[in-house]
Amino acid sequence: KEKGEYHRSLKILEKLKSENLTDDERKLVYLNLALVYKSAGFIDRAEKVLKEGISLFPFESFFYYELAQIKKFYGRLEESVELLEKAV
């Protein structure tokens, strides 16, 4: 991602989603995938991955926080605040 190779990063992370990973590794894959999608300008895909992360790991605050940032970007401030409250 840092080299601007978003397509390559996305391909690797998407493949990792289907691997046999520990829960902690899977959380990191989902979070990084969402962040790379967001950085590459695929906001809708980032939102989808964050929602998947929330459904898989409902007690992990970073998914809520990042989704709140996306909602804020779109001007959906009430939803953003609700997600930030869940993150806390």
N, C-alpha and C. Protein backbone atom coordinates (compact mmCIF):
# COMPACT_ATOMS: atom_id res chain seq x y z
N LYS A 1 0.82 -1.19 0.00
CA LYS A 1 0.00 0.00 0.00
C LYS A 1 0.87 1.25 0.00
N GLU A 2 1.91 1.24 0.81
CA GLU A 2 2.76 2.42 0.94
C GLU A 2 3.47 2.77 -0.36
N LYS A 3 3.64 1.81 -1.23
CA LYS A 3 4.28 2.06 -2.52
C LYS A 3 3.26 2.44 -3.58
N GLY A 4 2.00 2.51 -3.19
CA GLY A 4 0.96 2.84 -4.16
C GLY A 4 0.52 1.66 -5.00
N GLU A 5 0.88 0.48 -4.59
CA GLU A 5 0.50 -0.72 -5.33
C GLU A 5 -0.80 -1.28 -4.77
N TYR A 6 -1.86 -0.50 -4.91
CA TYR A 6 -3.14 -0.86 -4.32
C TYR A 6 -3.70 -2.15 -4.90
N HIS A 7 -3.62 -2.29 -6.22
CA HIS A 7 -4.18 -3.49 -6.85
C HIS A 7 -3.51 -4.74 -6.31
N ARG A 8 -2.20 -4.70 -6.20
CA ARG A 8 -1.47 -5.86 -5.69
C ARG A 8 -1.82 -6.13 -4.23
N SER A 9 -1.89 -5.09 -3.43
CA SER A 9 -2.25 -5.24 -2.02
C SER A 9 -3.64 -5.83 -1.87
N LEU A 10 -4.57 -5.31 -2.65
CA LEU A 10 -5.95 -5.79 -2.58
C LEU A 10 -6.04 -7.26 -2.96
N LYS A 11 -5.31 -7.65 -3.98
CA LYS A 11 -5.31 -9.05 -4.43
C LYS A 11 -4.80 -9.97 -3.32
N ILE A 12 -3.73 -9.57 -2.67
CA ILE A 12 -3.15 -10.38 -1.59
C ILE A 12 -4.11 -10.48 -0.42
N LEU A 13 -4.66 -9.34 0.00
CA LEU A 13 -5.57 -9.33 1.15
C LEU A 13 -6.85 -10.10 0.88
N GLU A 14 -7.40 -9.97 -0.34
CA GLU A 14 -8.60 -10.74 -0.68
C GLU A 14 -8.32 -12.23 -0.61
N LYS A 15 -7.16 -12.64 -1.07
CA LYS A 15 -6.79 -14.06 -1.01
C LYS A 15 -6.65 -14.52 0.44
N LEU A 16 -6.07 -13.68 1.27
CA LEU A 16 -5.88 -14.03 2.68
C LEU A 16 -7.20 -14.24 3.42
N LYS A 17 -8.26 -13.56 2.98
CA LYS A 17 -9.57 -13.72 3.63
C LYS A 17 -10.02 -15.18 3.66
N SER A 18 -9.65 -15.93 2.64
CA SER A 18 -10.11 -17.33 2.55
C SER A 18 -9.13 -18.32 3.18
N GLU A 19 -8.01 -17.82 3.70
CA GLU A 19 -7.02 -18.70 4.32
C GLU A 19 -7.45 -19.11 5.73
N ASN A 20 -6.83 -20.13 6.24
CA ASN A 20 -7.09 -20.59 7.60
C ASN A 20 -6.24 -19.75 8.55
N LEU A 21 -6.83 -18.71 9.11
CA LEU A 21 -6.12 -17.78 9.97
C LEU A 21 -6.68 -17.80 11.38
N THR A 22 -5.88 -17.32 12.31
CA THR A 22 -6.39 -17.13 13.67
C THR A 22 -7.35 -15.95 13.63
N ASP A 23 -8.14 -15.80 14.69
CA ASP A 23 -9.07 -14.68 14.75
C ASP A 23 -8.33 -13.35 14.69
N ASP A 24 -7.22 -13.24 15.40
CA ASP A 24 -6.46 -11.99 15.38
C ASP A 24 -5.92 -11.68 13.99
N GLU A 25 -5.44 -12.69 13.30
CA GLU A 25 -4.95 -12.49 11.93
C GLU A 25 -6.08 -12.08 11.00
N ARG A 26 -7.22 -12.72 11.15
CA ARG A 26 -8.38 -12.42 10.31
C ARG A 26 -8.85 -10.98 10.54
N LYS A 27 -8.86 -10.54 11.78
CA LYS A 27 -9.24 -9.15 12.09
C LYS A 27 -8.31 -8.18 11.37
N LEU A 28 -7.03 -8.46 11.41
CA LEU A 28 -6.06 -7.58 10.76
C LEU A 28 -6.22 -7.57 9.25
N VAL A 29 -6.52 -8.72 8.68
CA VAL A 29 -6.74 -8.80 7.23
C VAL A 29 -7.94 -7.95 6.83
N TYR A 30 -9.05 -8.09 7.56
CA TYR A 30 -10.24 -7.31 7.24
C TYR A 30 -10.00 -5.81 7.41
N LEU A 31 -9.33 -5.44 8.48
CA LEU A 31 -9.06 -4.02 8.70
C LEU A 31 -8.15 -3.46 7.62
N ASN A 32 -7.08 -4.17 7.32
CA ASN A 32 -6.15 -3.70 6.28
C ASN A 32 -6.80 -3.66 4.91
N LEU A 33 -7.64 -4.64 4.63
CA LEU A 33 -8.35 -4.64 3.36
C LEU A 33 -9.23 -3.40 3.25
N ALA A 34 -9.95 -3.09 4.30
CA ALA A 34 -10.81 -1.89 4.30
C ALA A 34 -9.98 -0.62 4.13
N LEU A 35 -8.86 -0.55 4.82
CA LEU A 35 -8.01 0.64 4.73
C LEU A 35 -7.41 0.82 3.34
N VAL A 36 -7.03 -0.28 2.71
CA VAL A 36 -6.47 -0.19 1.36
C VAL A 36 -7.56 0.21 0.37
N TYR A 37 -8.75 -0.38 0.50
CA TYR A 37 -9.86 0.03 -0.36
C TYR A 37 -10.12 1.53 -0.21
N LYS A 38 -10.15 1.99 1.04
CA LYS A 38 -10.40 3.41 1.31
C LYS A 38 -9.30 4.27 0.69
N SER A 39 -8.05 3.89 0.87
CA SER A 39 -6.93 4.65 0.32
C SER A 39 -6.95 4.68 -1.20
N ALA A 40 -7.42 3.60 -1.80
CA ALA A 40 -7.47 3.51 -3.26
C ALA A 40 -8.69 4.21 -3.83
N GLY A 41 -9.56 4.71 -2.95
CA GLY A 41 -10.75 5.43 -3.41
C GLY A 41 -11.98 4.58 -3.59
N PHE A 42 -11.92 3.33 -3.18
CA PHE A 42 -13.07 2.43 -3.27
C PHE A 42 -13.82 2.45 -1.94
N ILE A 43 -14.45 3.57 -1.66
CA ILE A 43 -15.09 3.79 -0.36
C ILE A 43 -16.23 2.80 -0.13
N ASP A 44 -17.00 2.51 -1.16
CA ASP A 44 -18.12 1.58 -1.00
C ASP A 44 -17.63 0.18 -0.65
N ARG A 45 -16.53 -0.22 -1.23
CA ARG A 45 -15.96 -1.54 -0.92
C ARG A 45 -15.38 -1.56 0.50
N ALA A 46 -14.76 -0.46 0.89
CA ALA A 46 -14.23 -0.36 2.25
C ALA A 46 -15.36 -0.48 3.25
N GLU A 47 -16.47 0.20 2.98
CA GLU A 47 -17.63 0.13 3.87
C GLU A 47 -18.16 -1.30 3.98
N LYS A 48 -18.22 -1.98 2.87
CA LYS A 48 -18.71 -3.37 2.86
C LYS A 48 -17.81 -4.27 3.71
N VAL A 49 -16.50 -4.13 3.56
CA VAL A 49 -15.56 -4.97 4.32
C VAL A 49 -15.65 -4.65 5.81
N LEU A 50 -15.80 -3.37 6.15
CA LEU A 50 -15.93 -3.01 7.56
C LEU A 50 -17.20 -3.60 8.16
N LYS A 51 -18.28 -3.60 7.41
CA LYS A 51 -19.52 -4.21 7.89
C LYS A 51 -19.35 -5.72 8.06
N GLU A 52 -18.61 -6.36 7.16
CA GLU A 52 -18.31 -7.78 7.31
C GLU A 52 -17.50 -8.00 8.59
N GLY A 53 -16.52 -7.13 8.82
CA GLY A 53 -15.71 -7.23 10.03
C GLY A 53 -16.54 -7.09 11.28
N ILE A 54 -17.50 -6.18 11.26
CA ILE A 54 -18.39 -6.00 12.41
C ILE A 54 -19.24 -7.23 12.63
N SER A 55 -19.73 -7.83 11.55
CA SER A 55 -20.56 -9.04 11.70
C SER A 55 -19.75 -10.22 12.23
N LEU A 56 -18.47 -10.29 11.85
CA LEU A 56 -17.62 -11.38 12.33
C LEU A 56 -17.06 -11.12 13.73
N PHE A 57 -16.76 -9.85 14.01
CA PHE A 57 -16.11 -9.48 15.27
C PHE A 57 -16.82 -8.27 15.87
N PRO A 58 -18.03 -8.47 16.39
CA PRO A 58 -18.84 -7.33 16.84
C PRO A 58 -18.28 -6.57 18.04
N PHE A 59 -17.27 -7.09 18.70
CA PHE A 59 -16.72 -6.40 19.86
C PHE A 59 -15.39 -5.71 19.57
N GLU A 60 -15.01 -5.63 18.31
CA GLU A 60 -13.75 -4.96 17.93
C GLU A 60 -14.03 -3.53 17.50
N SER A 61 -13.52 -2.60 18.28
CA SER A 61 -13.86 -1.19 18.08
C SER A 61 -13.30 -0.58 16.80
N PHE A 62 -12.17 -1.08 16.31
CA PHE A 62 -11.58 -0.43 15.14
C PHE A 62 -12.46 -0.51 13.91
N PHE A 63 -13.29 -1.54 13.77
CA PHE A 63 -14.20 -1.61 12.63
C PHE A 63 -15.24 -0.49 12.71
N TYR A 64 -15.78 -0.29 13.91
CA TYR A 64 -16.76 0.77 14.12
C TYR A 64 -16.13 2.15 13.88
N TYR A 65 -14.92 2.34 14.37
CA TYR A 65 -14.24 3.62 14.21
C TYR A 65 -14.03 3.95 12.73
N GLU A 66 -13.50 3.01 11.99
CA GLU A 66 -13.24 3.26 10.56
C GLU A 66 -14.53 3.46 9.78
N LEU A 67 -15.57 2.72 10.13
CA LEU A 67 -16.85 2.91 9.46
C LEU A 67 -17.43 4.29 9.81
N ALA A 68 -17.22 4.74 11.03
CA ALA A 68 -17.66 6.08 11.43
C ALA A 68 -16.96 7.15 10.60
N GLN A 69 -15.69 6.93 10.29
CA GLN A 69 -14.95 7.89 9.47
C GLN A 69 -15.54 7.97 8.06
N ILE A 70 -15.96 6.85 7.53
CA ILE A 70 -16.58 6.83 6.20
C ILE A 70 -17.92 7.55 6.24
N LYS A 71 -18.71 7.28 7.27
CA LYS A 71 -20.01 7.95 7.40
C LYS A 71 -19.81 9.46 7.51
N LYS A 72 -18.80 9.87 8.26
CA LYS A 72 -18.49 11.30 8.40
C LYS A 72 -18.12 11.90 7.04
N PHE A 73 -17.35 11.18 6.27
CA PHE A 73 -16.93 11.62 4.93
C PHE A 73 -18.15 11.93 4.06
N TYR A 74 -19.19 11.10 4.20
CA TYR A 74 -20.41 11.28 3.41
C TYR A 74 -21.40 12.25 4.06
N GLY A 75 -21.01 12.84 5.20
CA GLY A 75 -21.88 13.80 5.87
C GLY A 75 -23.00 13.17 6.67
N ARG A 76 -22.88 11.91 6.94
CA ARG A 76 -23.90 11.19 7.72
C ARG A 76 -23.45 11.18 9.18
N LEU A 77 -23.53 12.36 9.79
CA LEU A 77 -22.94 12.58 11.10
C LEU A 77 -23.62 11.82 12.22
N GLU A 78 -24.94 11.70 12.17
CA GLU A 78 -25.64 10.94 13.21
C GLU A 78 -25.18 9.49 13.23
N GLU A 79 -25.08 8.90 12.06
CA GLU A 79 -24.61 7.51 11.97
C GLU A 79 -23.16 7.41 12.45
N SER A 80 -22.37 8.41 12.10
CA SER A 80 -20.98 8.42 12.52
C SER A 80 -20.86 8.46 14.04
N VAL A 81 -21.64 9.31 14.67
CA VAL A 81 -21.62 9.42 16.13
C VAL A 81 -22.06 8.11 16.78
N GLU A 82 -23.09 7.49 16.24
CA GLU A 82 -23.57 6.21 16.77
C GLU A 82 -22.47 5.16 16.70
N LEU A 83 -21.76 5.11 15.59
CA LEU A 83 -20.68 4.14 15.42
C LEU A 83 -19.53 4.44 16.37
N LEU A 84 -19.22 5.71 16.57
CA LEU A 84 -18.16 6.08 17.51
C LEU A 84 -18.53 5.69 18.93
N GLU A 85 -19.81 5.85 19.27
CA GLU A 85 -20.27 5.43 20.60
C GLU A 85 -20.11 3.92 20.77
N LYS A 86 -20.39 3.17 19.74
CA LYS A 86 -20.21 1.72 19.81
C LYS A 86 -18.73 1.37 19.92
N ALA A 87 -17.89 2.14 19.25
CA ALA A 87 -16.45 1.89 19.30
C ALA A 87 -15.92 2.07 20.72
N VAL A 88 -16.47 3.04 21.42
CA VAL A 88 -16.03 3.30 22.79
C VAL A 88 -16.50 2.18 23.69
